[in-house]
N, C-alpha and C. Protein backbone atom coordinates (compact mmCIF):
# COMPACT_ATOMS: atom_id res chain seq x y z
N MET A 1 54.66 -57.41 15.53
CA MET A 1 54.81 -58.20 14.28
C MET A 1 55.95 -57.62 13.46
N ARG A 2 56.74 -58.45 12.86
CA ARG A 2 57.88 -58.01 12.08
C ARG A 2 57.42 -57.37 10.79
N TYR A 3 57.97 -56.21 10.45
CA TYR A 3 57.62 -55.48 9.23
C TYR A 3 58.41 -56.03 8.04
N VAL A 4 57.72 -56.32 6.95
CA VAL A 4 58.35 -56.81 5.73
C VAL A 4 58.28 -55.72 4.68
N PRO A 5 59.40 -55.28 4.11
CA PRO A 5 59.39 -54.19 3.13
C PRO A 5 58.48 -54.52 1.93
N LEU A 6 57.79 -53.49 1.44
CA LEU A 6 56.90 -53.66 0.29
C LEU A 6 57.65 -54.17 -0.93
N ALA A 7 58.86 -53.64 -1.16
CA ALA A 7 59.63 -54.06 -2.34
C ALA A 7 59.90 -55.55 -2.32
N LEU A 8 60.18 -56.10 -1.13
CA LEU A 8 60.45 -57.53 -1.02
C LEU A 8 59.21 -58.34 -1.34
N ILE A 9 58.05 -57.86 -0.87
CA ILE A 9 56.80 -58.58 -1.14
C ILE A 9 56.51 -58.60 -2.64
N LEU A 10 56.65 -57.45 -3.29
CA LEU A 10 56.36 -57.36 -4.72
C LEU A 10 57.33 -58.21 -5.53
N THR A 11 58.60 -58.17 -5.15
CA THR A 11 59.59 -58.98 -5.86
C THR A 11 59.26 -60.46 -5.75
N ALA A 12 58.90 -60.91 -4.56
CA ALA A 12 58.57 -62.31 -4.36
C ALA A 12 57.34 -62.70 -5.17
N ALA A 13 56.36 -61.83 -5.21
CA ALA A 13 55.13 -62.12 -5.95
C ALA A 13 55.42 -62.29 -7.43
N LEU A 14 56.26 -61.43 -7.97
CA LEU A 14 56.56 -61.52 -9.40
C LEU A 14 57.45 -62.72 -9.70
N MET A 15 58.34 -63.06 -8.77
CA MET A 15 59.22 -64.21 -8.99
C MET A 15 58.46 -65.52 -8.99
N LEU A 16 57.36 -65.59 -8.28
CA LEU A 16 56.59 -66.83 -8.21
C LEU A 16 56.08 -67.25 -9.57
N GLN A 17 55.77 -66.26 -10.43
CA GLN A 17 55.21 -66.62 -11.73
C GLN A 17 56.26 -66.68 -12.83
N ALA A 18 57.51 -66.33 -12.53
CA ALA A 18 58.53 -66.27 -13.56
C ALA A 18 58.76 -67.59 -14.29
N PRO A 19 58.90 -68.74 -13.60
CA PRO A 19 59.13 -69.99 -14.32
C PRO A 19 58.00 -70.33 -15.27
N ALA A 20 56.76 -70.00 -14.92
CA ALA A 20 55.62 -70.34 -15.77
C ALA A 20 55.60 -69.52 -17.04
N ALA A 21 56.26 -68.35 -17.00
CA ALA A 21 56.19 -67.46 -18.16
C ALA A 21 56.76 -68.11 -19.40
N HIS A 22 57.74 -68.98 -19.23
CA HIS A 22 58.37 -69.60 -20.39
C HIS A 22 57.85 -71.02 -20.63
N ALA A 23 56.84 -71.43 -19.88
CA ALA A 23 56.27 -72.76 -20.06
C ALA A 23 54.98 -72.71 -20.87
N MET A 24 54.62 -71.53 -21.35
CA MET A 24 53.39 -71.36 -22.10
C MET A 24 53.59 -70.28 -23.15
N PRO A 25 52.67 -70.15 -24.09
CA PRO A 25 52.81 -69.09 -25.10
C PRO A 25 52.91 -67.72 -24.43
N MET A 26 53.71 -66.85 -25.01
CA MET A 26 53.90 -65.50 -24.51
C MET A 26 53.26 -64.50 -25.47
N THR A 27 52.56 -63.54 -24.91
CA THR A 27 51.86 -62.55 -25.73
C THR A 27 52.60 -61.22 -25.67
N PHE A 28 52.76 -60.62 -26.85
CA PHE A 28 53.40 -59.31 -26.97
C PHE A 28 52.43 -58.37 -27.67
N VAL A 29 52.43 -57.12 -27.25
CA VAL A 29 51.47 -56.16 -27.79
C VAL A 29 52.18 -54.88 -28.19
N GLY A 30 51.45 -54.05 -28.96
CA GLY A 30 52.01 -52.76 -29.34
C GLY A 30 50.96 -51.85 -29.94
N ASN A 31 51.06 -50.57 -29.64
CA ASN A 31 50.20 -49.56 -30.24
C ASN A 31 50.88 -49.02 -31.49
N LEU A 32 50.27 -49.25 -32.63
CA LEU A 32 50.86 -48.85 -33.91
C LEU A 32 50.58 -47.38 -34.18
N SER A 33 51.63 -46.64 -34.51
CA SER A 33 51.44 -45.23 -34.84
C SER A 33 52.58 -44.73 -35.71
N GLY A 34 52.34 -43.59 -36.37
CA GLY A 34 53.38 -42.97 -37.18
C GLY A 34 54.48 -42.37 -36.31
N ALA A 35 54.14 -42.05 -35.07
CA ALA A 35 55.13 -41.47 -34.16
C ALA A 35 56.23 -42.46 -33.83
N ASN A 36 55.96 -43.76 -34.01
CA ASN A 36 56.96 -44.79 -33.72
C ASN A 36 57.88 -45.07 -34.89
N GLU A 37 57.54 -44.52 -36.06
CA GLU A 37 58.40 -44.73 -37.23
C GLU A 37 59.68 -43.91 -37.07
N VAL A 38 60.74 -44.36 -37.73
CA VAL A 38 62.02 -43.65 -37.70
C VAL A 38 62.45 -43.39 -39.14
N PRO A 39 62.32 -42.11 -39.63
CA PRO A 39 61.81 -40.93 -38.92
C PRO A 39 60.29 -40.99 -38.75
N VAL A 40 59.77 -40.09 -37.90
CA VAL A 40 58.34 -40.02 -37.62
C VAL A 40 57.54 -39.76 -38.90
N VAL A 41 56.38 -40.40 -39.01
CA VAL A 41 55.48 -40.22 -40.15
C VAL A 41 54.22 -39.51 -39.68
N SER A 42 53.86 -38.43 -40.37
CA SER A 42 52.64 -37.69 -40.05
C SER A 42 52.16 -36.98 -41.32
N PRO A 43 50.86 -37.08 -41.65
CA PRO A 43 49.82 -37.82 -40.92
C PRO A 43 49.99 -39.33 -41.10
N ALA A 44 49.31 -40.07 -40.25
CA ALA A 44 49.41 -41.52 -40.30
C ALA A 44 48.19 -42.13 -39.61
N GLY A 45 47.95 -43.41 -39.88
CA GLY A 45 46.86 -44.11 -39.24
C GLY A 45 47.24 -44.54 -37.83
N THR A 46 46.42 -45.37 -37.27
CA THR A 46 46.68 -45.91 -35.94
C THR A 46 46.33 -47.40 -35.94
N GLY A 47 46.76 -48.12 -34.93
CA GLY A 47 46.43 -49.54 -34.86
C GLY A 47 46.94 -50.18 -33.59
N PHE A 48 46.70 -51.46 -33.50
CA PHE A 48 47.13 -52.24 -32.34
C PHE A 48 47.49 -53.64 -32.82
N THR A 49 48.53 -54.20 -32.25
CA THR A 49 48.94 -55.55 -32.64
C THR A 49 49.12 -56.44 -31.42
N THR A 50 48.81 -57.71 -31.61
CA THR A 50 49.05 -58.74 -30.61
C THR A 50 49.80 -59.88 -31.30
N VAL A 51 50.94 -60.23 -30.75
CA VAL A 51 51.76 -61.31 -31.32
C VAL A 51 51.92 -62.38 -30.25
N VAL A 52 51.55 -63.62 -30.59
CA VAL A 52 51.64 -64.73 -29.65
C VAL A 52 52.80 -65.63 -30.06
N LEU A 53 53.80 -65.70 -29.21
CA LEU A 53 54.99 -66.49 -29.48
C LEU A 53 55.00 -67.71 -28.55
N ASP A 54 55.19 -68.89 -29.14
CA ASP A 54 55.30 -70.11 -28.34
C ASP A 54 56.65 -70.75 -28.67
N PRO A 55 57.69 -70.46 -27.87
CA PRO A 55 59.01 -71.02 -28.14
C PRO A 55 59.05 -72.53 -28.05
N THR A 56 58.20 -73.11 -27.20
CA THR A 56 58.20 -74.57 -27.05
C THR A 56 57.62 -75.25 -28.28
N ALA A 57 56.47 -74.77 -28.74
CA ALA A 57 55.86 -75.32 -29.95
C ALA A 57 56.50 -74.77 -31.20
N GLN A 58 57.32 -73.73 -31.04
CA GLN A 58 58.01 -73.06 -32.15
C GLN A 58 57.01 -72.51 -33.16
N THR A 59 56.10 -71.69 -32.64
CA THR A 59 55.06 -71.09 -33.49
C THR A 59 54.93 -69.61 -33.18
N LEU A 60 54.28 -68.91 -34.13
CA LEU A 60 54.04 -67.48 -34.02
C LEU A 60 52.66 -67.20 -34.60
N GLN A 61 51.88 -66.36 -33.93
CA GLN A 61 50.57 -65.97 -34.45
C GLN A 61 50.43 -64.47 -34.30
N VAL A 62 49.94 -63.81 -35.37
CA VAL A 62 49.94 -62.35 -35.43
C VAL A 62 48.54 -61.81 -35.65
N ASN A 63 48.19 -60.79 -34.89
CA ASN A 63 46.90 -60.09 -35.04
C ASN A 63 47.18 -58.60 -35.18
N VAL A 64 46.54 -57.97 -36.16
CA VAL A 64 46.75 -56.55 -36.39
C VAL A 64 45.41 -55.88 -36.69
N MET A 65 45.07 -54.86 -35.92
CA MET A 65 43.90 -54.02 -36.19
C MET A 65 44.41 -52.62 -36.51
N PHE A 66 43.90 -52.02 -37.58
CA PHE A 66 44.40 -50.69 -37.97
C PHE A 66 43.31 -49.92 -38.70
N SER A 67 43.45 -48.61 -38.71
CA SER A 67 42.48 -47.75 -39.39
C SER A 67 43.13 -46.40 -39.69
N GLY A 68 42.49 -45.66 -40.61
CA GLY A 68 42.92 -44.30 -40.92
C GLY A 68 44.22 -44.17 -41.65
N LEU A 69 44.67 -45.22 -42.33
CA LEU A 69 45.92 -45.12 -43.10
C LEU A 69 45.75 -44.12 -44.24
N THR A 70 46.83 -43.48 -44.63
CA THR A 70 46.76 -42.44 -45.65
C THR A 70 46.63 -42.98 -47.07
N SER A 71 46.92 -44.27 -47.24
CA SER A 71 46.80 -44.92 -48.56
C SER A 71 46.75 -46.42 -48.35
N LEU A 72 46.66 -47.16 -49.44
CA LEU A 72 46.48 -48.60 -49.35
C LEU A 72 47.72 -49.32 -48.80
N THR A 73 47.48 -50.39 -48.08
CA THR A 73 48.57 -51.18 -47.50
C THR A 73 49.38 -51.89 -48.59
N THR A 74 50.69 -51.91 -48.40
CA THR A 74 51.58 -52.57 -49.36
C THR A 74 52.44 -53.67 -48.72
N ALA A 75 52.58 -53.64 -47.41
CA ALA A 75 53.40 -54.65 -46.73
C ALA A 75 53.12 -54.61 -45.23
N ALA A 76 53.40 -55.73 -44.57
CA ALA A 76 53.27 -55.81 -43.11
C ALA A 76 54.09 -56.99 -42.63
N HIS A 77 54.95 -56.75 -41.69
CA HIS A 77 55.83 -57.81 -41.21
C HIS A 77 56.52 -57.39 -39.91
N ILE A 78 57.29 -58.31 -39.35
CA ILE A 78 58.06 -58.03 -38.14
C ILE A 78 59.52 -57.78 -38.52
N HIS A 79 60.07 -56.71 -37.97
CA HIS A 79 61.48 -56.38 -38.17
C HIS A 79 62.27 -56.80 -36.94
N CYS A 80 63.50 -57.23 -37.13
CA CYS A 80 64.35 -57.69 -36.03
C CYS A 80 65.80 -57.59 -36.48
N CYS A 81 66.79 -57.36 -35.72
CA CYS A 81 66.78 -57.34 -34.27
C CYS A 81 67.63 -56.15 -33.86
N GLN A 82 66.99 -55.03 -33.54
CA GLN A 82 67.67 -53.81 -33.15
C GLN A 82 66.93 -53.16 -31.99
N PRO A 83 67.61 -52.29 -31.23
CA PRO A 83 66.97 -51.66 -30.07
C PRO A 83 65.84 -50.71 -30.47
N LEU A 84 65.00 -50.39 -29.51
CA LEU A 84 63.92 -49.44 -29.67
C LEU A 84 64.45 -48.12 -30.22
N GLY A 85 63.72 -47.57 -31.21
CA GLY A 85 64.10 -46.27 -31.76
C GLY A 85 65.06 -46.35 -32.92
N THR A 86 65.36 -47.57 -33.38
CA THR A 86 66.24 -47.74 -34.55
C THR A 86 65.53 -48.61 -35.58
N ASN A 87 66.05 -48.60 -36.80
CA ASN A 87 65.47 -49.41 -37.87
C ASN A 87 66.20 -50.75 -37.98
N ALA A 88 65.43 -51.79 -38.28
CA ALA A 88 65.99 -53.14 -38.41
C ALA A 88 65.48 -53.77 -39.69
N GLY A 89 66.14 -54.82 -40.13
CA GLY A 89 65.72 -55.53 -41.32
C GLY A 89 64.46 -56.34 -41.09
N VAL A 90 63.82 -56.73 -42.19
CA VAL A 90 62.59 -57.52 -42.10
C VAL A 90 62.95 -58.97 -41.79
N ALA A 91 62.31 -59.52 -40.76
CA ALA A 91 62.60 -60.89 -40.35
C ALA A 91 61.58 -61.89 -40.87
N THR A 92 60.32 -61.49 -40.95
CA THR A 92 59.26 -62.42 -41.36
C THR A 92 58.94 -62.29 -42.84
N THR A 93 58.00 -63.10 -43.29
CA THR A 93 57.63 -63.20 -44.71
C THR A 93 57.48 -61.84 -45.38
N VAL A 94 58.03 -61.71 -46.58
CA VAL A 94 57.85 -60.49 -47.37
C VAL A 94 56.98 -60.80 -48.59
N PRO A 95 56.14 -59.84 -49.01
CA PRO A 95 56.04 -58.51 -48.41
C PRO A 95 55.16 -58.43 -47.16
N ALA A 96 54.38 -59.49 -46.90
CA ALA A 96 53.45 -59.42 -45.76
C ALA A 96 53.16 -60.81 -45.21
N PHE A 97 52.57 -60.82 -44.00
CA PHE A 97 52.12 -62.06 -43.40
C PHE A 97 51.12 -62.75 -44.34
N PRO A 98 51.03 -64.07 -44.31
CA PRO A 98 50.10 -64.78 -45.18
C PRO A 98 48.66 -64.26 -45.04
N GLY A 99 48.09 -63.86 -46.17
CA GLY A 99 46.70 -63.40 -46.17
C GLY A 99 46.49 -61.96 -45.75
N PHE A 100 47.56 -61.26 -45.39
CA PHE A 100 47.40 -59.85 -45.01
C PHE A 100 47.02 -59.06 -46.26
N PRO A 101 46.00 -58.19 -46.16
CA PRO A 101 45.53 -57.45 -47.34
C PRO A 101 46.50 -56.37 -47.80
N ILE A 102 47.08 -56.56 -48.99
CA ILE A 102 47.99 -55.57 -49.55
C ILE A 102 47.68 -55.39 -51.04
N VAL A 103 48.24 -54.35 -51.61
CA VAL A 103 48.00 -54.03 -53.02
C VAL A 103 48.42 -55.19 -53.92
N ALA A 104 49.55 -55.83 -53.62
CA ALA A 104 50.08 -56.90 -54.47
C ALA A 104 49.12 -58.07 -54.63
N ASN A 105 48.29 -58.33 -53.61
CA ASN A 105 47.32 -59.43 -53.75
C ASN A 105 45.92 -58.91 -54.05
N GLY A 106 45.84 -57.64 -54.47
CA GLY A 106 44.57 -57.05 -54.88
C GLY A 106 43.64 -56.71 -53.73
N MET A 107 44.18 -56.66 -52.51
CA MET A 107 43.33 -56.41 -51.34
C MET A 107 43.82 -55.27 -50.48
N GLY A 108 44.58 -54.34 -51.04
CA GLY A 108 45.08 -53.21 -50.27
C GLY A 108 43.95 -52.44 -49.61
N VAL A 109 44.14 -52.06 -48.36
CA VAL A 109 43.08 -51.37 -47.60
C VAL A 109 43.69 -50.25 -46.76
N THR A 110 42.82 -49.39 -46.22
CA THR A 110 43.27 -48.34 -45.30
C THR A 110 42.85 -48.65 -43.87
N SER A 111 42.05 -49.68 -43.69
CA SER A 111 41.68 -50.14 -42.35
C SER A 111 41.40 -51.64 -42.42
N GLY A 112 41.58 -52.32 -41.32
CA GLY A 112 41.35 -53.76 -41.34
C GLY A 112 41.56 -54.41 -39.99
N ASP A 113 41.23 -55.68 -39.93
CA ASP A 113 41.38 -56.49 -38.72
C ASP A 113 41.92 -57.84 -39.18
N TYR A 114 43.21 -58.04 -39.04
CA TYR A 114 43.88 -59.21 -39.59
C TYR A 114 44.26 -60.20 -38.48
N HIS A 115 44.04 -61.47 -38.75
CA HIS A 115 44.43 -62.55 -37.84
C HIS A 115 45.15 -63.62 -38.66
N SER A 116 46.40 -63.82 -38.38
CA SER A 116 47.18 -64.78 -39.16
C SER A 116 46.89 -66.20 -38.75
N PRO A 117 47.21 -67.16 -39.62
CA PRO A 117 47.20 -68.56 -39.16
C PRO A 117 48.36 -68.73 -38.20
N VAL A 118 48.43 -69.87 -37.54
CA VAL A 118 49.58 -70.16 -36.69
C VAL A 118 50.77 -70.46 -37.59
N LEU A 119 51.82 -69.69 -37.45
CA LEU A 119 52.99 -69.81 -38.32
C LEU A 119 54.07 -70.66 -37.64
N SER A 120 54.59 -71.61 -38.37
CA SER A 120 55.64 -72.47 -37.82
C SER A 120 56.99 -71.79 -37.96
N LEU A 121 57.72 -71.71 -36.86
CA LEU A 121 59.06 -71.13 -36.91
C LEU A 121 60.07 -72.12 -37.46
N LEU A 122 59.62 -73.33 -37.75
CA LEU A 122 60.48 -74.34 -38.39
C LEU A 122 60.37 -74.27 -39.91
N ASP A 123 59.43 -73.46 -40.40
CA ASP A 123 59.16 -73.34 -41.83
C ASP A 123 59.91 -72.14 -42.40
N ALA A 124 60.76 -72.38 -43.38
CA ALA A 124 61.53 -71.29 -43.98
C ALA A 124 60.62 -70.22 -44.58
N GLY A 125 59.40 -70.62 -44.98
CA GLY A 125 58.46 -69.67 -45.56
C GLY A 125 57.96 -68.63 -44.59
N THR A 126 58.19 -68.84 -43.29
CA THR A 126 57.77 -67.87 -42.28
C THR A 126 58.70 -66.66 -42.25
N TYR A 127 59.89 -66.82 -42.84
CA TYR A 127 60.92 -65.79 -42.74
C TYR A 127 61.19 -65.07 -44.06
N ASN A 128 61.81 -63.91 -43.92
CA ASN A 128 62.38 -63.21 -45.06
C ASN A 128 63.68 -63.93 -45.41
N PRO A 129 63.85 -64.40 -46.65
CA PRO A 129 65.09 -65.11 -47.01
C PRO A 129 66.36 -64.34 -46.66
N ALA A 130 66.29 -63.01 -46.80
CA ALA A 130 67.47 -62.19 -46.50
C ALA A 130 67.82 -62.25 -45.02
N PHE A 131 66.81 -62.41 -44.16
CA PHE A 131 67.06 -62.53 -42.73
C PHE A 131 67.74 -63.87 -42.42
N VAL A 132 67.23 -64.93 -43.00
CA VAL A 132 67.81 -66.26 -42.77
C VAL A 132 69.25 -66.31 -43.28
N ALA A 133 69.52 -65.60 -44.39
CA ALA A 133 70.86 -65.61 -44.99
C ALA A 133 71.91 -64.97 -44.09
N MET A 134 71.46 -64.23 -43.08
CA MET A 134 72.39 -63.59 -42.16
C MET A 134 72.99 -64.57 -41.15
N PHE A 135 72.43 -65.80 -41.11
CA PHE A 135 72.83 -66.77 -40.10
C PHE A 135 73.31 -68.07 -40.77
N PRO A 136 74.01 -68.91 -40.00
CA PRO A 136 74.49 -70.18 -40.57
C PRO A 136 73.36 -71.07 -41.08
N GLY A 137 72.17 -70.96 -40.49
CA GLY A 137 71.05 -71.81 -40.92
C GLY A 137 69.75 -71.34 -40.29
N LEU A 138 68.67 -72.04 -40.62
CA LEU A 138 67.35 -71.69 -40.11
C LEU A 138 67.26 -71.75 -38.58
N PRO A 139 67.84 -72.76 -37.92
CA PRO A 139 67.76 -72.79 -36.45
C PRO A 139 68.32 -71.54 -35.79
N GLN A 140 69.41 -71.03 -36.35
CA GLN A 140 70.01 -69.82 -35.77
C GLN A 140 69.14 -68.59 -36.05
N ALA A 141 68.52 -68.56 -37.23
CA ALA A 141 67.62 -67.45 -37.55
C ALA A 141 66.40 -67.48 -36.63
N GLU A 142 65.88 -68.68 -36.38
CA GLU A 142 64.74 -68.83 -35.46
C GLU A 142 65.11 -68.34 -34.07
N SER A 143 66.27 -68.75 -33.59
CA SER A 143 66.71 -68.34 -32.26
C SER A 143 66.85 -66.83 -32.17
N ALA A 144 67.38 -66.22 -33.22
CA ALA A 144 67.55 -64.76 -33.22
C ALA A 144 66.21 -64.05 -33.18
N LEU A 145 65.22 -64.55 -33.94
CA LEU A 145 63.91 -63.93 -33.94
C LEU A 145 63.23 -64.07 -32.58
N ILE A 146 63.29 -65.26 -32.00
CA ILE A 146 62.69 -65.48 -30.68
C ILE A 146 63.33 -64.57 -29.65
N ASN A 147 64.66 -64.51 -29.64
CA ASN A 147 65.36 -63.66 -28.69
C ASN A 147 65.04 -62.19 -28.92
N GLY A 148 64.92 -61.82 -30.19
CA GLY A 148 64.61 -60.43 -30.51
C GLY A 148 63.24 -60.02 -30.01
N ILE A 149 62.25 -60.92 -30.17
CA ILE A 149 60.90 -60.62 -29.70
C ILE A 149 60.87 -60.59 -28.18
N GLU A 150 61.49 -61.56 -27.54
CA GLU A 150 61.47 -61.65 -26.07
C GLU A 150 62.18 -60.48 -25.40
N ASN A 151 63.17 -59.92 -26.08
CA ASN A 151 64.00 -58.90 -25.44
C ASN A 151 63.78 -57.49 -25.98
N GLY A 152 62.62 -57.25 -26.58
CA GLY A 152 62.27 -55.90 -27.02
C GLY A 152 63.07 -55.38 -28.18
N MET A 153 63.59 -56.30 -29.00
CA MET A 153 64.44 -55.90 -30.12
C MET A 153 63.74 -56.09 -31.47
N SER A 154 62.41 -56.11 -31.47
CA SER A 154 61.67 -56.30 -32.71
C SER A 154 60.46 -55.39 -32.73
N TYR A 155 59.95 -55.12 -33.93
CA TYR A 155 58.76 -54.29 -34.07
C TYR A 155 57.94 -54.74 -35.27
N LEU A 156 56.64 -54.50 -35.18
CA LEU A 156 55.75 -54.80 -36.30
C LEU A 156 55.50 -53.52 -37.06
N ASN A 157 55.56 -53.60 -38.37
CA ASN A 157 55.48 -52.43 -39.23
C ASN A 157 54.44 -52.65 -40.34
N VAL A 158 53.57 -51.66 -40.54
CA VAL A 158 52.60 -51.69 -41.64
C VAL A 158 53.00 -50.61 -42.63
N HIS A 159 53.24 -50.99 -43.87
CA HIS A 159 53.68 -50.08 -44.92
C HIS A 159 52.51 -49.73 -45.85
N THR A 160 52.56 -48.54 -46.44
CA THR A 160 51.51 -48.10 -47.36
C THR A 160 52.13 -47.50 -48.62
N ALA A 161 51.28 -47.25 -49.60
CA ALA A 161 51.75 -46.67 -50.85
C ALA A 161 52.38 -45.30 -50.62
N ASN A 162 51.78 -44.50 -49.76
CA ASN A 162 52.31 -43.17 -49.47
C ASN A 162 53.57 -43.22 -48.60
N ASN A 163 53.69 -44.28 -47.83
CA ASN A 163 54.82 -44.42 -46.91
C ASN A 163 55.45 -45.80 -47.06
N PRO A 164 56.21 -45.99 -48.13
CA PRO A 164 56.78 -47.32 -48.40
C PRO A 164 57.75 -47.80 -47.32
N GLY A 165 58.32 -46.89 -46.56
CA GLY A 165 59.22 -47.29 -45.49
C GLY A 165 58.49 -47.67 -44.21
N GLY A 166 57.16 -47.51 -44.23
CA GLY A 166 56.35 -47.83 -43.05
C GLY A 166 55.54 -46.63 -42.61
N GLU A 167 54.23 -46.85 -42.38
CA GLU A 167 53.37 -45.75 -41.92
C GLU A 167 53.08 -45.84 -40.42
N ILE A 168 52.84 -47.04 -39.94
CA ILE A 168 52.60 -47.22 -38.49
C ILE A 168 53.37 -48.44 -38.01
N ARG A 169 53.93 -48.30 -36.84
CA ARG A 169 54.69 -49.44 -36.29
C ARG A 169 54.69 -49.37 -34.77
N SER A 170 55.10 -50.47 -34.14
CA SER A 170 55.29 -50.50 -32.70
C SER A 170 56.30 -51.57 -32.34
N GLN A 171 57.13 -51.24 -31.37
CA GLN A 171 57.98 -52.26 -30.75
C GLN A 171 57.05 -53.26 -30.07
N LEU A 172 57.46 -54.49 -29.98
CA LEU A 172 56.64 -55.52 -29.34
C LEU A 172 57.03 -55.62 -27.87
N PHE A 173 56.02 -55.39 -27.00
CA PHE A 173 56.24 -55.41 -25.55
C PHE A 173 55.46 -56.55 -24.91
N PRO A 174 56.01 -57.18 -23.87
CA PRO A 174 55.27 -58.26 -23.19
C PRO A 174 53.95 -57.75 -22.62
N ALA A 175 52.88 -58.50 -22.84
CA ALA A 175 51.58 -58.13 -22.27
C ALA A 175 51.56 -58.50 -20.80
N PRO A 176 50.90 -57.70 -19.96
CA PRO A 176 50.80 -58.06 -18.54
C PRO A 176 50.12 -59.42 -18.38
N GLU A 177 50.71 -60.29 -17.56
CA GLU A 177 50.14 -61.62 -17.37
C GLU A 177 49.11 -61.61 -16.26
N PRO A 178 47.94 -62.19 -16.48
CA PRO A 178 46.89 -62.20 -15.44
C PRO A 178 47.39 -62.72 -14.11
N MET A 179 48.19 -63.78 -14.12
CA MET A 179 48.69 -64.34 -12.87
C MET A 179 49.59 -63.35 -12.13
N SER A 180 50.36 -62.56 -12.90
CA SER A 180 51.21 -61.56 -12.27
C SER A 180 50.36 -60.55 -11.52
N LEU A 181 49.26 -60.13 -12.16
CA LEU A 181 48.39 -59.15 -11.54
C LEU A 181 47.72 -59.71 -10.29
N VAL A 182 47.33 -60.99 -10.36
CA VAL A 182 46.70 -61.62 -9.19
C VAL A 182 47.68 -61.68 -8.03
N LEU A 183 48.90 -62.13 -8.31
CA LEU A 183 49.90 -62.24 -7.26
C LEU A 183 50.26 -60.87 -6.69
N LEU A 184 50.36 -59.90 -7.58
CA LEU A 184 50.68 -58.55 -7.13
C LEU A 184 49.58 -58.02 -6.23
N GLY A 185 48.31 -58.25 -6.62
CA GLY A 185 47.19 -57.81 -5.80
C GLY A 185 47.20 -58.49 -4.45
N SER A 186 47.49 -59.79 -4.43
CA SER A 186 47.55 -60.53 -3.16
C SER A 186 48.64 -59.99 -2.26
N ALA A 187 49.78 -59.66 -2.87
CA ALA A 187 50.88 -59.11 -2.08
C ALA A 187 50.51 -57.78 -1.47
N LEU A 188 49.83 -56.95 -2.24
CA LEU A 188 49.43 -55.64 -1.74
C LEU A 188 48.43 -55.78 -0.60
N VAL A 189 47.49 -56.73 -0.73
CA VAL A 189 46.52 -56.96 0.34
C VAL A 189 47.23 -57.41 1.61
N GLY A 190 48.17 -58.36 1.46
CA GLY A 190 48.93 -58.83 2.61
C GLY A 190 49.72 -57.72 3.26
N PHE A 191 50.31 -56.87 2.43
CA PHE A 191 51.08 -55.74 2.96
C PHE A 191 50.17 -54.80 3.74
N GLY A 192 48.97 -54.55 3.20
CA GLY A 192 48.02 -53.67 3.88
C GLY A 192 47.60 -54.23 5.22
N LEU A 193 47.37 -55.54 5.29
CA LEU A 193 46.97 -56.16 6.55
C LEU A 193 48.07 -56.06 7.60
N MET A 194 49.31 -56.27 7.17
CA MET A 194 50.42 -56.19 8.10
C MET A 194 50.59 -54.78 8.63
N ARG A 195 50.44 -53.80 7.75
CA ARG A 195 50.56 -52.41 8.17
C ARG A 195 49.45 -52.06 9.16
N HIS A 196 48.23 -52.57 8.88
CA HIS A 196 47.09 -52.29 9.74
C HIS A 196 47.31 -52.87 11.14
N ARG A 197 47.79 -54.12 11.20
CA ARG A 197 48.04 -54.77 12.48
C ARG A 197 49.16 -54.08 13.25
N LYS A 198 50.17 -53.64 12.48
CA LYS A 198 51.31 -52.99 13.12
C LYS A 198 50.90 -51.67 13.75
N SER A 199 49.99 -50.93 13.06
CA SER A 199 49.62 -49.60 13.52
C SER A 199 48.44 -49.60 14.48
N ALA A 200 47.73 -50.74 14.64
CA ALA A 200 46.55 -50.78 15.51
C ALA A 200 46.95 -50.60 16.96
N PRO A 201 46.18 -49.76 17.73
CA PRO A 201 46.48 -49.56 19.16
C PRO A 201 46.43 -50.89 19.91
N SER A 202 47.27 -51.04 20.91
CA SER A 202 47.35 -52.31 21.63
C SER A 202 46.02 -52.66 22.29
N GLY A 203 45.21 -51.62 22.66
CA GLY A 203 43.95 -51.88 23.29
C GLY A 203 42.92 -52.48 22.37
N ASP A 204 43.14 -52.34 21.05
CA ASP A 204 42.20 -52.87 20.07
C ASP A 204 42.46 -54.32 19.75
N ARG A 205 43.57 -54.87 20.25
CA ARG A 205 43.92 -56.24 19.91
C ARG A 205 43.28 -57.21 20.89
N ALA A 206 42.94 -58.37 20.36
CA ALA A 206 42.31 -59.38 21.22
C ALA A 206 43.30 -59.88 22.24
N THR A 207 42.83 -60.18 23.45
CA THR A 207 43.71 -60.71 24.50
C THR A 207 43.32 -62.15 24.77
N PRO A 208 44.28 -62.95 25.18
CA PRO A 208 43.98 -64.38 25.43
C PRO A 208 42.92 -64.53 26.50
């Protein structure tokens, strides 16, 4: 039996799901920590964020869980568009996502579980006006934010009274897609079967 390299099998498995990735909402995740701030913040709380981007519907939905902050929350938003390990301007609503608990709305907290409404990327209110002003118009600002999120050039930041520049943050990374894992598992099983057949003694094989 002809041997097929493992790398080729894995590449094919991942390519099979590539077109579907952009035909449905994409999920991005991040572990929020002070170690991700630039410069590093310590002590600091911890958290986790999930951001669901739907370029086709032109929507964004944000979830943030956090705890152990050193003081009350004052702001929370997505920054864009700079590489990992650098600081970028605020792209989304300031000072915080709609309904996010902060001192300004009398709901500042040190821990919480926030789930935003579905935000329209066609709505100027979804953005920081200063971010939109960097572009010829809202469509270009929307495109920049989408590209920034898709290409690892954005991060979610939670700010506090003790750390006005941000206490915990994370770059937004694509979440593993279930279909990718299924295809990868199938490829590995197929690879294992081929290796088994290739290495089996000829006497163990069925004869016509």
